[in-house]
Amino acid sequence: MSDLTAWDRVQIARSTTRPTSLDFISAIFNKFMELHGDRVSHDDGAIVAGLASIDDITVTVIGQQKGRNIKQNIKRNYGMPNPDGYRKALRLMKQAEKFGRPIVCFIDTPGAFCGIEAEERGQGEAIARNLYEMSGIKVPILSIVIGEGGSGGALALGVANEVWMLENATYSILSPEGFASILWKDSKRANEAAEVMKITAADLQDLKIVERIIPECEALCVDTMESVACQIRTDIVDFINRYRAKTKDEIVDARYERFRNM
């Protein structure tokens, strides 16, 4: 699939048939118990989170969740979290730190919700708080971009010891349409913007933004994801085992150095 353009990969990352966070959680982990609420206001459907097991290891799993039809997307807000979702994610990260559980995040969002109600409830502060707190979490954090990784809404789950991407995922400061509108005052030039922005997995690995690219099969969907999920499962177990030997301070220092060296 190396002949695909950056814009091709944007379209693949946005496909409604692409596996979601819940699909990957179901395929990778033995058990998953979802936990709800931020203990302040709401339970945000755009963030799914809870406890999962993999090879008898208990981990905390957090994912941004899109829907596949109108009804699901209304529930999931098209994968755009409100501040309540980010606060729920942080609550479970702090819980994971308390009990010494590794954290696995699945990133798949066009961006944080930018509606007035989200701003009124402190969207900017919620994202900033996640960035600040994640930098000091004393358990290993792994973030995997499985679809769209859009702006601060994605980065709020991306301050990790390692960031991986699926082959046709994207990770960017904003959408190509937004970039084209700002730079050229023409959103129809989004395909050109996608090339300029360096948003593909290969580009970001070259820039040392991500550590690993996970190959995809042709037309990745729920029915064809088994081999990809098995590979991710193996890699997650390897990640956990590599960080078991590190102290809490070494885990935090490694995360700090990762971002300082970019």
Protein backbone atom coordinates (compact mmCIF):
# COMPACT_ATOMS: atom_id res chain seq x y z
CA MET A 1 0.00 0.00 0.00
CA SER A 2 3.04 2.25 -0.35
CA ASP A 3 1.66 3.86 -3.53
CA LEU A 4 -1.14 5.57 -1.60
CA THR A 5 -1.00 9.35 -1.32
CA ALA A 6 -1.33 11.19 1.97
CA TRP A 7 -4.87 12.20 0.99
CA ASP A 8 -5.72 8.57 0.24
CA ARG A 9 -4.66 7.66 3.76
CA VAL A 10 -6.74 10.50 5.21
CA GLN A 11 -9.81 9.03 3.52
CA ILE A 12 -8.97 5.52 4.76
CA ALA A 13 -8.43 6.80 8.32
CA ARG A 14 -11.87 8.43 8.24
CA SER A 15 -13.72 5.44 6.79
CA THR A 16 -16.82 4.41 8.71
CA THR A 17 -15.94 0.73 8.11
CA ARG A 18 -12.58 1.08 9.86
CA PRO A 19 -12.30 -0.72 13.24
CA THR A 20 -13.00 1.51 16.23
CA SER A 21 -11.42 1.54 19.66
CA LEU A 22 -14.05 -0.87 21.00
CA ASP A 23 -13.37 -3.23 18.09
CA PHE A 24 -9.66 -3.30 18.92
CA ILE A 25 -10.31 -3.65 22.63
CA SER A 26 -12.59 -6.61 22.00
CA ALA A 27 -10.10 -8.27 19.61
CA ILE A 28 -6.93 -7.68 21.66
CA PHE A 29 -7.88 -8.13 25.31
CA ASN A 30 -9.26 -11.17 27.09
CA LYS A 31 -11.73 -9.23 29.21
CA PHE A 32 -12.87 -5.60 29.35
CA MET A 33 -14.91 -3.92 32.07
CA GLU A 34 -15.97 -0.42 31.09
CA LEU A 35 -16.00 2.31 33.73
CA HIS A 36 -18.05 5.47 33.41
CA GLY A 37 -18.09 9.10 34.43
CA ASP A 38 -15.66 11.84 35.35
CA ARG A 39 -17.04 12.15 38.93
CA VAL A 40 -17.78 15.81 38.19
CA SER A 41 -20.41 16.16 35.50
CA HIS A 42 -21.06 13.66 32.71
CA ASP A 43 -20.14 10.33 31.14
CA ASP A 44 -18.80 11.21 27.70
CA GLY A 45 -19.62 8.59 25.06
CA ALA A 46 -16.71 9.75 22.87
CA ILE A 47 -14.29 8.25 25.41
CA VAL A 48 -14.50 4.57 26.36
CA ALA A 49 -12.36 3.46 29.28
CA GLY A 50 -11.98 0.70 31.78
CA LEU A 51 -10.00 -2.31 32.95
CA ALA A 52 -8.81 -5.07 30.64
CA SER A 53 -6.64 -8.14 30.86
CA ILE A 54 -4.00 -9.43 28.47
CA ASP A 55 -1.96 -12.55 29.30
CA ASP A 56 -3.13 -12.29 32.93
CA ILE A 57 -1.87 -8.70 33.08
CA THR A 58 -4.43 -6.09 34.12
CA VAL A 59 -4.18 -2.81 32.25
CA THR A 60 -6.19 0.38 32.01
CA VAL A 61 -7.51 0.97 28.50
CA ILE A 62 -8.76 4.32 27.20
CA GLY A 63 -10.01 4.95 23.68
CA GLN A 64 -11.69 7.60 21.59
CA GLN A 65 -14.80 6.06 20.07
CA LYS A 66 -16.58 6.92 16.83
CA GLY A 67 -19.91 5.58 15.61
CA ARG A 68 -20.79 3.87 12.33
CA ASN A 69 -24.21 5.42 11.76
CA ILE A 70 -26.11 8.54 12.75
CA LYS A 71 -27.55 7.04 15.94
CA GLN A 72 -24.12 5.80 17.14
CA ASN A 73 -22.41 9.06 16.18
CA ILE A 74 -24.93 11.09 18.15
CA LYS A 75 -24.10 8.95 21.18
CA ARG A 76 -20.36 9.17 20.49
CA ASN A 77 -20.40 12.80 19.27
CA TYR A 78 -18.58 11.67 16.12
CA GLY A 79 -15.56 10.73 18.23
CA MET A 80 -15.04 14.32 19.46
CA PRO A 81 -14.65 14.29 23.26
CA ASN A 82 -16.01 16.93 25.58
CA PRO A 83 -14.01 18.00 28.66
CA ASP A 84 -15.92 15.36 30.65
CA GLY A 85 -14.33 12.68 28.48
CA TYR A 86 -10.82 13.92 29.06
CA ARG A 87 -11.49 14.17 32.80
CA LYS A 88 -12.81 10.60 32.78
CA ALA A 89 -9.64 9.50 30.99
CA LEU A 90 -7.45 11.30 33.52
CA ARG A 91 -9.41 9.85 36.45
CA LEU A 92 -8.67 6.34 35.21
CA MET A 93 -5.03 7.17 34.48
CA LYS A 94 -4.57 8.32 38.07
CA GLN A 95 -6.35 5.16 39.23
CA ALA A 96 -3.96 3.08 37.09
CA GLU A 97 -1.01 4.87 38.65
CA LYS A 98 -2.33 4.15 42.15
CA PHE A 99 -2.61 0.42 41.46
CA GLY A 100 0.46 0.08 39.23
CA ARG A 101 -1.39 -0.78 36.01
CA PRO A 102 0.07 -0.01 32.55
CA ILE A 103 -2.06 2.30 30.41
CA VAL A 104 -2.97 1.69 26.76
CA CYS A 105 -4.67 4.49 24.80
CA PHE A 106 -6.34 4.21 21.39
CA ILE A 107 -6.42 7.52 19.52
CA ASP A 108 -9.11 8.10 16.89
CA THR A 109 -10.63 11.57 16.78
CA PRO A 110 -10.96 14.42 14.29
CA GLY A 111 -10.35 16.67 17.30
CA ALA A 112 -11.81 17.71 20.62
CA PHE A 113 -15.39 19.00 20.44
CA CYS A 114 -15.32 22.75 19.87
CA GLY A 115 -18.92 23.61 20.72
CA ILE A 116 -19.82 26.45 23.06
CA GLU A 117 -20.92 24.04 25.79
CA ALA A 118 -17.52 22.33 25.71
CA GLU A 119 -15.76 25.65 26.07
CA GLU A 120 -18.07 26.64 28.91
CA ARG A 121 -17.15 23.46 30.77
CA GLY A 122 -13.41 24.06 30.33
CA GLN A 123 -12.28 22.19 27.22
CA GLY A 124 -8.91 23.92 27.02
CA GLU A 125 -8.18 23.37 30.70
CA ALA A 126 -9.19 19.70 30.51
CA ILE A 127 -6.80 19.04 27.61
CA ALA A 128 -3.99 21.01 29.23
CA ARG A 129 -4.51 19.16 32.51
CA ASN A 130 -4.18 15.81 30.72
CA LEU A 131 -0.93 16.90 29.07
CA TYR A 132 0.45 18.05 32.41
CA GLU A 133 -0.65 15.03 34.43
CA MET A 134 0.29 12.41 31.82
CA SER A 135 3.85 13.73 31.72
CA GLY A 136 4.29 12.64 35.34
CA ILE A 137 2.26 9.41 35.51
CA LYS A 138 4.48 6.77 37.12
CA VAL A 139 3.32 3.77 35.07
CA PRO A 140 4.12 3.05 31.42
CA ILE A 141 1.78 4.62 28.87
CA LEU A 142 1.35 3.37 25.31
CA SER A 143 -0.71 5.33 22.77
CA ILE A 144 -1.76 3.81 19.45
CA VAL A 145 -3.22 5.97 16.66
CA ILE A 146 -5.75 3.71 14.94
CA GLY A 147 -7.53 6.24 12.70
CA GLU A 148 -7.54 10.03 12.86
CA GLY A 149 -5.23 11.71 15.33
CA GLY A 150 -6.53 15.24 15.24
CA SER A 151 -5.01 18.22 17.05
CA GLY A 152 -5.00 18.66 20.83
CA GLY A 153 -7.95 16.32 21.06
CA ALA A 154 -5.60 13.48 20.11
CA LEU A 155 -2.57 14.79 21.96
CA ALA A 156 -4.58 14.73 25.20
CA LEU A 157 -4.15 10.93 25.08
CA GLY A 158 -0.76 11.02 23.39
CA VAL A 159 1.76 11.99 26.10
CA ALA A 160 3.06 8.45 26.25
CA ASN A 161 6.30 6.52 26.61
CA GLU A 162 5.74 5.27 23.07
CA VAL A 163 3.35 6.25 20.29
CA TRP A 164 2.51 3.74 17.54
CA MET A 165 0.42 4.20 14.41
CA LEU A 166 -1.46 1.92 12.10
CA GLU A 167 -0.12 2.13 8.56
CA ASN A 168 -3.05 4.20 7.25
CA ALA A 169 -3.70 6.31 10.33
CA THR A 170 -2.96 10.05 10.41
CA TYR A 171 -1.69 12.33 13.17
CA SER A 172 -1.75 16.10 12.70
CA ILE A 173 -2.17 19.52 14.25
CA LEU A 174 -5.47 20.02 12.40
CA SER A 175 -7.38 18.63 9.46
CA PRO A 176 -6.02 19.10 5.92
CA GLU A 177 -9.19 21.07 5.13
CA GLY A 178 -8.48 23.43 8.03
CA PHE A 179 -4.83 23.77 7.03
CA ALA A 180 -5.77 24.59 3.43
CA SER A 181 -8.37 27.11 4.58
CA ILE A 182 -5.84 28.93 6.76
CA LEU A 183 -2.86 28.80 4.39
CA TRP A 184 -4.52 29.14 1.00
CA LYS A 185 -8.05 30.30 1.92
CA ASP A 186 -9.36 27.30 -0.01
CA SER A 187 -10.43 24.10 1.77
CA LYS A 188 -10.70 22.32 -1.60
CA ARG A 189 -6.90 22.13 -1.65
CA ALA A 190 -6.97 19.68 1.26
CA ASN A 191 -5.26 16.98 -0.82
CA GLU A 192 -2.27 19.29 -1.34
CA ALA A 193 -2.28 20.22 2.34
CA ALA A 194 -2.16 16.56 3.37
CA GLU A 195 1.13 16.14 1.48
CA VAL A 196 2.66 19.31 2.94
CA MET A 197 1.64 18.55 6.52
CA LYS A 198 3.56 15.23 6.81
CA ILE A 199 0.71 13.48 8.60
CA THR A 200 1.18 9.85 7.54
CA ALA A 201 2.70 7.13 9.69
CA ALA A 202 5.79 6.92 7.46
CA ASP A 203 6.36 10.68 7.61
CA LEU A 204 5.97 10.75 11.37
CA GLN A 205 8.29 7.82 11.92
CA ASP A 206 10.92 9.61 9.83
CA LEU A 207 10.44 12.66 12.06
CA LYS A 208 10.73 10.43 15.16
CA ILE A 209 7.24 11.41 16.32
CA VAL A 210 6.16 7.76 16.46
CA GLU A 211 8.18 4.69 17.36
CA ARG A 212 6.39 2.01 15.37
CA ILE A 213 4.19 1.52 12.32
CA ILE A 214 1.75 -1.40 12.45
CA PRO A 215 1.16 -2.85 8.95
CA GLU A 216 -2.42 -3.13 7.75
CA CYS A 217 -4.10 -5.67 5.53
CA GLU A 218 -6.01 -4.54 2.46
CA ALA A 219 -9.29 -2.79 3.28
CA LEU A 220 -8.96 -3.04 7.06
CA CYS A 221 -12.36 -3.59 8.69
CA VAL A 222 -13.84 -5.62 11.53
CA ASP A 223 -13.95 -8.74 9.37
CA THR A 224 -10.29 -8.47 8.29
CA MET A 225 -8.65 -7.11 11.45
CA GLU A 226 -7.70 -10.38 13.14
CA SER A 227 -4.07 -10.46 11.99
CA VAL A 228 -3.57 -6.78 12.82
CA ALA A 229 -5.12 -7.22 16.27
CA CYS A 230 -2.91 -10.26 16.94
CA GLN A 231 0.18 -8.26 16.03
CA ILE A 232 -0.85 -5.38 18.29
CA ARG A 233 -1.56 -7.81 21.12
CA THR A 234 1.91 -9.33 20.82
CA ASP A 235 3.50 -5.88 20.67
CA ILE A 236 1.57 -4.64 23.73
CA VAL A 237 2.75 -7.61 25.79
CA ASP A 238 6.32 -6.91 24.64
CA PHE A 239 5.92 -3.22 25.59
CA ILE A 240 4.68 -4.12 29.09
CA ASN A 241 7.50 -6.61 29.63
CA ARG A 242 10.14 -4.09 28.53
CA TYR A 243 8.93 -1.53 31.06
CA ARG A 244 8.54 -3.96 33.95
CA ALA A 245 12.24 -3.70 34.70
CA LYS A 246 12.12 0.10 35.00
CA THR A 247 11.51 2.01 38.21
CA LYS A 248 8.74 4.60 38.46
CA ASP A 249 11.25 7.42 38.09
CA GLU A 250 12.86 5.74 35.08
CA ILE A 251 9.47 5.46 33.39
CA VAL A 252 8.76 9.17 33.89
CA ASP A 253 12.29 10.15 32.84
CA ALA A 254 12.04 8.07 29.67
CA ARG A 255 8.79 9.83 28.74
CA TYR A 256 10.35 13.22 29.44
CA GLU A 257 13.38 12.46 27.28
CA ARG A 258 11.17 11.18 24.47
CA PHE A 259 9.49 14.56 24.08
CA ARG A 260 12.61 16.62 24.78
CA ASN A 261 14.45 14.85 21.96
CA MET A 262 11.82 15.57 19.30
